[in-house]
PDB file of N, CA and C in Angstrom:
ATOM      1  N   MET A   1       3.910 -17.766   4.494  1.00  0.00           N
ATOM      2  CA  MET A   1       3.097 -16.586   4.361  1.00  0.00           C
ATOM      3  C   MET A   1       3.937 -15.359   4.714  1.00  0.00           C
ATOM      4  N   GLN A   2       3.744 -14.290   3.962  1.00  0.00           N
ATOM      5  CA  GLN A   2       4.452 -13.033   4.199  1.00  0.00           C
ATOM      6  C   GLN A   2       3.482 -11.999   4.759  1.00  0.00           C
ATOM      7  N   THR A   3       4.015 -11.027   5.460  1.00  0.00           N
ATOM      8  CA  THR A   3       3.217  -9.904   5.942  1.00  0.00           C
ATOM      9  C   THR A   3       3.572  -8.679   5.120  1.00  0.00           C
ATOM     10  N   HIS A   4       2.551  -7.977   4.638  1.00  0.00           N
ATOM     11  CA  HIS A   4       2.766  -6.770   3.835  1.00  0.00           C
ATOM     12  C   HIS A   4       2.110  -5.579   4.508  1.00  0.00           C
ATOM     13  N   THR A   5       2.756  -4.429   4.361  1.00  0.00           N
ATOM     14  CA  THR A   5       2.234  -3.185   4.913  1.00  0.00           C
ATOM     15  C   THR A   5       1.868  -2.250   3.771  1.00  0.00           C
ATOM     16  N   PHE A   6       0.726  -1.599   3.921  1.00  0.00           N
ATOM     17  CA  PHE A   6       0.231  -0.628   2.959  1.00  0.00           C
ATOM     18  C   PHE A   6       0.172   0.720   3.663  1.00  0.00           C
ATOM     19  N   ILE A   7       0.605   1.766   2.972  1.00  0.00           N
ATOM     20  CA  ILE A   7       0.701   3.096   3.565  1.00  0.00           C
ATOM     21  C   ILE A   7      -0.123   4.077   2.740  1.00  0.00           C
ATOM     22  N   LYS A   8      -0.938   4.864   3.449  1.00  0.00           N
ATOM     23  CA  LYS A   8      -1.740   5.899   2.799  1.00  0.00           C
ATOM     24  C   LYS A   8      -1.008   7.228   2.918  1.00  0.00           C
ATOM     25  N   GLU A   9      -0.794   7.874   1.780  1.00  0.00           N
ATOM     26  CA  GLU A   9      -0.115   9.159   1.759  1.00  0.00           C
ATOM     27  C   GLU A   9      -1.110  10.281   2.063  1.00  0.00           C
ATOM     28  N   PRO A  10      -0.616  11.467   2.406  1.00  0.00           N
ATOM     29  CA  PRO A  10      -1.510  12.590   2.716  1.00  0.00           C
ATOM     30  C   PRO A  10      -2.493  12.935   1.594  1.00  0.00           C
ATOM     31  N   ASN A  11      -2.119  12.635   0.345  1.00  0.00           N
ATOM     32  CA  ASN A  11      -3.016  12.920  -0.779  1.00  0.00           C
ATOM     33  C   ASN A  11      -4.102  11.857  -0.951  1.00  0.00           C
ATOM     34  N   GLY A  12      -4.088  10.815  -0.105  1.00  0.00           N
ATOM     35  CA  GLY A  12      -5.119   9.783  -0.150  1.00  0.00           C
ATOM     36  C   GLY A  12      -4.753   8.547  -0.945  1.00  0.00           C
ATOM     37  N   ASN A  13      -3.600   8.535  -1.595  1.00  0.00           N
ATOM     38  CA  ASN A  13      -3.178   7.377  -2.384  1.00  0.00           C
ATOM     39  C   ASN A  13      -2.536   6.319  -1.492  1.00  0.00           C
ATOM     40  N   TRP A  14      -2.882   5.066  -1.751  1.00  0.00           N
ATOM     41  CA  TRP A  14      -2.321   3.924  -1.020  1.00  0.00           C
ATOM     42  C   TRP A  14      -1.221   3.269  -1.839  1.00  0.00           C
ATOM     43  N   PHE A  15      -0.141   2.866  -1.156  1.00  0.00           N
ATOM     44  CA  PHE A  15       0.964   2.149  -1.782  1.00  0.00           C
ATOM     45  C   PHE A  15       1.358   0.980  -0.894  1.00  0.00           C
ATOM     46  N   ILE A  16       1.756  -0.123  -1.519  1.00  0.00           N
ATOM     47  CA  ILE A  16       2.335  -1.214  -0.744  1.00  0.00           C
ATOM     48  C   ILE A  16       3.781  -0.838  -0.442  1.00  0.00           C
ATOM     49  N   ASP A  17       4.246  -1.164   0.734  1.00  0.00           N
ATOM     50  CA  ASP A  17       5.602  -0.834   1.166  1.00  0.00           C
ATOM     51  C   ASP A  17       6.549  -1.965   0.765  1.00  0.00           C
ATOM     52  N   LEU A  18       7.218  -1.776  -0.373  1.00  0.00           N
ATOM     53  CA  LEU A  18       8.197  -2.750  -0.876  1.00  0.00           C
ATOM     54  C   LEU A  18       9.477  -2.000  -1.254  1.00  0.00           C
ATOM     55  N   PRO A  19      10.276  -1.591  -0.272  1.00  0.00           N
ATOM     56  CA  PRO A  19      11.464  -0.788  -0.572  1.00  0.00           C
ATOM     57  C   PRO A  19      12.453  -1.468  -1.513  1.00  0.00           C
ATOM     58  N   ALA A  20      12.571  -2.771  -1.462  1.00  0.00           N
ATOM     59  CA  ALA A  20      13.510  -3.471  -2.347  1.00  0.00           C
ATOM     60  C   ALA A  20      13.083  -3.349  -3.808  1.00  0.00           C
ATOM     61  N   TYR A  21      11.791  -3.249  -4.046  1.00  0.00           N
ATOM     62  CA  TYR A  21      11.270  -3.137  -5.414  1.00  0.00           C
ATOM     63  C   TYR A  21      11.751  -1.841  -6.064  1.00  0.00           C
ATOM     64  N   THR A  22      11.573  -0.724  -5.368  1.00  0.00           N
ATOM     65  CA  THR A  22      12.003   0.549  -5.946  1.00  0.00           C
ATOM     66  C   THR A  22      13.517   0.723  -5.880  1.00  0.00           C
ATOM     67  N   ALA A  23      14.169   0.100  -4.913  1.00  0.00           N
ATOM     68  CA  ALA A  23      15.632   0.187  -4.820  1.00  0.00           C
ATOM     69  C   ALA A  23      16.300  -0.443  -6.035  1.00  0.00           C
ATOM     70  N   ASN A  24      15.610  -1.373  -6.671  1.00  0.00           N
ATOM     71  CA  ASN A  24      16.147  -2.026  -7.866  1.00  0.00           C
ATOM     72  C   ASN A  24      15.785  -1.284  -9.143  1.00  0.00           C
ATOM     73  N   GLY A  25      15.275  -0.054  -9.009  1.00  0.00           N
ATOM     74  CA  GLY A  25      15.018   0.776 -10.172  1.00  0.00           C
ATOM     75  C   GLY A  25      13.614   0.705 -10.731  1.00  0.00           C
ATOM     76  N   ALA A  26      12.723  -0.008 -10.095  1.00  0.00           N
ATOM     77  CA  ALA A  26      11.347  -0.104 -10.586  1.00  0.00           C
ATOM     78  C   ALA A  26      10.579   1.172 -10.239  1.00  0.00           C
ATOM     79  N   ALA A  27       9.523   1.417 -10.981  1.00  0.00           N
ATOM     80  CA  ALA A  27       8.719   2.620 -10.781  1.00  0.00           C
ATOM     81  C   ALA A  27       7.857   2.512  -9.526  1.00  0.00           C
ATOM     82  N   ARG A  28       7.875   3.532  -8.713  1.00  0.00           N
ATOM     83  CA  ARG A  28       7.081   3.555  -7.490  1.00  0.00           C
ATOM     84  C   ARG A  28       5.590   3.481  -7.811  1.00  0.00           C
ATOM     85  N   GLY A  29       5.191   4.061  -8.918  1.00  0.00           N
ATOM     86  CA  GLY A  29       3.791   4.037  -9.331  1.00  0.00           C
ATOM     87  C   GLY A  29       3.247   2.633  -9.513  1.00  0.00           C
ATOM     88  N   ASP A  30       4.127   1.679  -9.770  1.00  0.00           N
ATOM     89  CA  ASP A  30       3.699   0.280  -9.900  1.00  0.00           C
ATOM     90  C   ASP A  30       3.157  -0.266  -8.588  1.00  0.00           C
ATOM     91  N   LEU A  31       3.464   0.385  -7.481  1.00  0.00           N
ATOM     92  CA  LEU A  31       3.075  -0.097  -6.159  1.00  0.00           C
ATOM     93  C   LEU A  31       1.789   0.547  -5.644  1.00  0.00           C
ATOM     94  N   GLN A  32       1.194   1.433  -6.446  1.00  0.00           N
ATOM     95  CA  GLN A  32      -0.029   2.110  -6.011  1.00  0.00           C
ATOM     96  C   GLN A  32      -1.228   1.171  -6.078  1.00  0.00           C
ATOM     97  N   MET A  33      -2.073   1.261  -5.074  1.00  0.00           N
ATOM     98  CA  MET A  33      -3.286   0.444  -5.016  1.00  0.00           C
ATOM     99  C   MET A  33      -4.411   1.181  -5.747  1.00  0.00           C
ATOM    100  N   VAL A  34      -5.007   0.529  -6.740  1.00  0.00           N
ATOM    101  CA  VAL A  34      -6.067   1.128  -7.559  1.00  0.00           C
ATOM    102  C   VAL A  34      -7.176   0.107  -7.788  1.00  0.00           C
ATOM    103  N   ALA A  35      -8.199   0.519  -8.519  1.00  0.00           N
ATOM    104  CA  ALA A  35      -9.287  -0.370  -8.953  1.00  0.00           C
ATOM    105  C   ALA A  35      -9.987  -1.077  -7.794  1.00  0.00           C
ATOM    106  N   GLY A  36     -10.234  -0.331  -6.729  1.00  0.00           N
ATOM    107  CA  GLY A  36     -10.951  -0.894  -5.595  1.00  0.00           C
ATOM    108  C   GLY A  36     -10.066  -1.318  -4.442  1.00  0.00           C
ATOM    109  N   ALA A  37      -8.803  -1.596  -4.708  1.00  0.00           N
ATOM    110  CA  ALA A  37      -7.895  -1.975  -3.617  1.00  0.00           C
ATOM    111  C   ALA A  37      -7.731  -0.812  -2.644  1.00  0.00           C
ATOM    112  N   ASP A  38      -7.711   0.406  -3.174  1.00  0.00           N
ATOM    113  CA  ASP A  38      -7.605   1.583  -2.315  1.00  0.00           C
ATOM    114  C   ASP A  38      -8.835   1.733  -1.425  1.00  0.00           C
ATOM    115  N   THR A  39     -10.004   1.459  -1.966  1.00  0.00           N
ATOM    116  CA  THR A  39     -11.242   1.526  -1.186  1.00  0.00           C
ATOM    117  C   THR A  39     -11.249   0.461  -0.098  1.00  0.00           C
ATOM    118  N   MET A  40     -10.817  -0.747  -0.437  1.00  0.00           N
ATOM    119  CA  MET A  40     -10.747  -1.825   0.547  1.00  0.00           C
ATOM    120  C   MET A  40      -9.804  -1.437   1.688  1.00  0.00           C
ATOM    121  N   LEU A  41      -8.663  -0.839   1.355  1.00  0.00           N
ATOM    122  CA  LEU A  41      -7.705  -0.429   2.378  1.00  0.00           C
ATOM    123  C   LEU A  41      -8.273   0.683   3.260  1.00  0.00           C
ATOM    124  N   ASP A  42      -9.046   1.600   2.682  1.00  0.00           N
ATOM    125  CA  ASP A  42      -9.695   2.637   3.490  1.00  0.00           C
ATOM    126  C   ASP A  42     -10.602   2.012   4.542  1.00  0.00           C
ATOM    127  N   VAL A  43     -11.353   0.997   4.164  1.00  0.00           N
ATOM    128  CA  VAL A  43     -12.251   0.312   5.100  1.00  0.00           C
ATOM    129  C   VAL A  43     -11.440  -0.418   6.164  1.00  0.00           C
ATOM    130  N   MET A  44     -10.430  -1.145   5.744  1.00  0.00           N
ATOM    131  CA  MET A  44      -9.612  -1.919   6.681  1.00  0.00           C
ATOM    132  C   MET A  44      -8.815  -1.025   7.631  1.00  0.00           C
ATOM    133  N   ALA A  45      -8.425   0.161   7.169  1.00  0.00           N
ATOM    134  CA  ALA A  45      -7.584   1.057   7.962  1.00  0.00           C
ATOM    135  C   ALA A  45      -8.325   1.662   9.148  1.00  0.00           C
ATOM    136  N   ASN A  46      -9.641   1.785   9.036  1.00  0.00           N
ATOM    137  CA  ASN A  46     -10.432   2.355  10.134  1.00  0.00           C
ATOM    138  C   ASN A  46      -9.829   3.682  10.611  1.00  0.00           C
ATOM    139  N   ALA A  47      -9.636   4.611   9.668  1.00  0.00           N
ATOM    140  CA  ALA A  47      -9.118   5.965   9.904  1.00  0.00           C
ATOM    141  C   ALA A  47      -7.608   6.009  10.178  1.00  0.00           C
ATOM    142  N   SER A  48      -6.902   4.918   9.998  1.00  0.00           N
ATOM    143  CA  SER A  48      -5.446   4.891  10.147  1.00  0.00           C
ATOM    144  C   SER A  48      -4.805   5.126   8.782  1.00  0.00           C
ATOM    145  N   ASN A  49      -3.504   5.340   8.762  1.00  0.00           N
ATOM    146  CA  ASN A  49      -2.777   5.520   7.504  1.00  0.00           C
ATOM    147  C   ASN A  49      -1.955   4.306   7.125  1.00  0.00           C
ATOM    148  N   THR A  50      -2.082   3.226   7.884  1.00  0.00           N
ATOM    149  CA  THR A  50      -1.371   1.992   7.551  1.00  0.00           C
ATOM    150  C   THR A  50      -2.273   0.784   7.767  1.00  0.00           C
ATOM    151  N   VAL A  51      -2.034  -0.219   6.953  1.00  0.00           N
ATOM    152  CA  VAL A  51      -2.696  -1.514   7.091  1.00  0.00           C
ATOM    153  C   VAL A  51      -1.615  -2.566   6.915  1.00  0.00           C
ATOM    154  N   THR A  52      -1.562  -3.518   7.826  1.00  0.00           N
ATOM    155  CA  THR A  52      -0.623  -4.632   7.722  1.00  0.00           C
ATOM    156  C   THR A  52      -1.424  -5.915   7.692  1.00  0.00           C
ATOM    157  N   MET A  53      -1.096  -6.781   6.721  1.00  0.00           N
ATOM    158  CA  MET A  53      -1.846  -8.030   6.604  1.00  0.00           C
ATOM    159  C   MET A  53      -0.973  -9.155   6.077  1.00  0.00           C
ATOM    160  N   PRO A  54      -1.265 -10.371   6.511  1.00  0.00           N
ATOM    161  CA  PRO A  54      -0.566 -11.541   5.964  1.00  0.00           C
ATOM    162  C   PRO A  54      -1.143 -11.889   4.596  1.00  0.00           C
ATOM    163  N   MET A  55      -0.284 -12.346   3.715  1.00  0.00           N
ATOM    164  CA  MET A  55      -0.721 -12.764   2.374  1.00  0.00           C
ATOM    165  C   MET A  55       0.006 -14.026   1.994  1.00  0.00           C
TER     166      MET A  55
END
């Protein structure tokens, strides 16, 4: 099992923190949480800007 961290930016957008993904030239936008994942992270964050969870 791996642990992943999600970070909420000041504009309210959530992204998964995968630096190796973008370091290899992939688009950062691919890491944005959408379609309800952002809402779930807002609930889990409990007013924080980060969520860490095992997957």
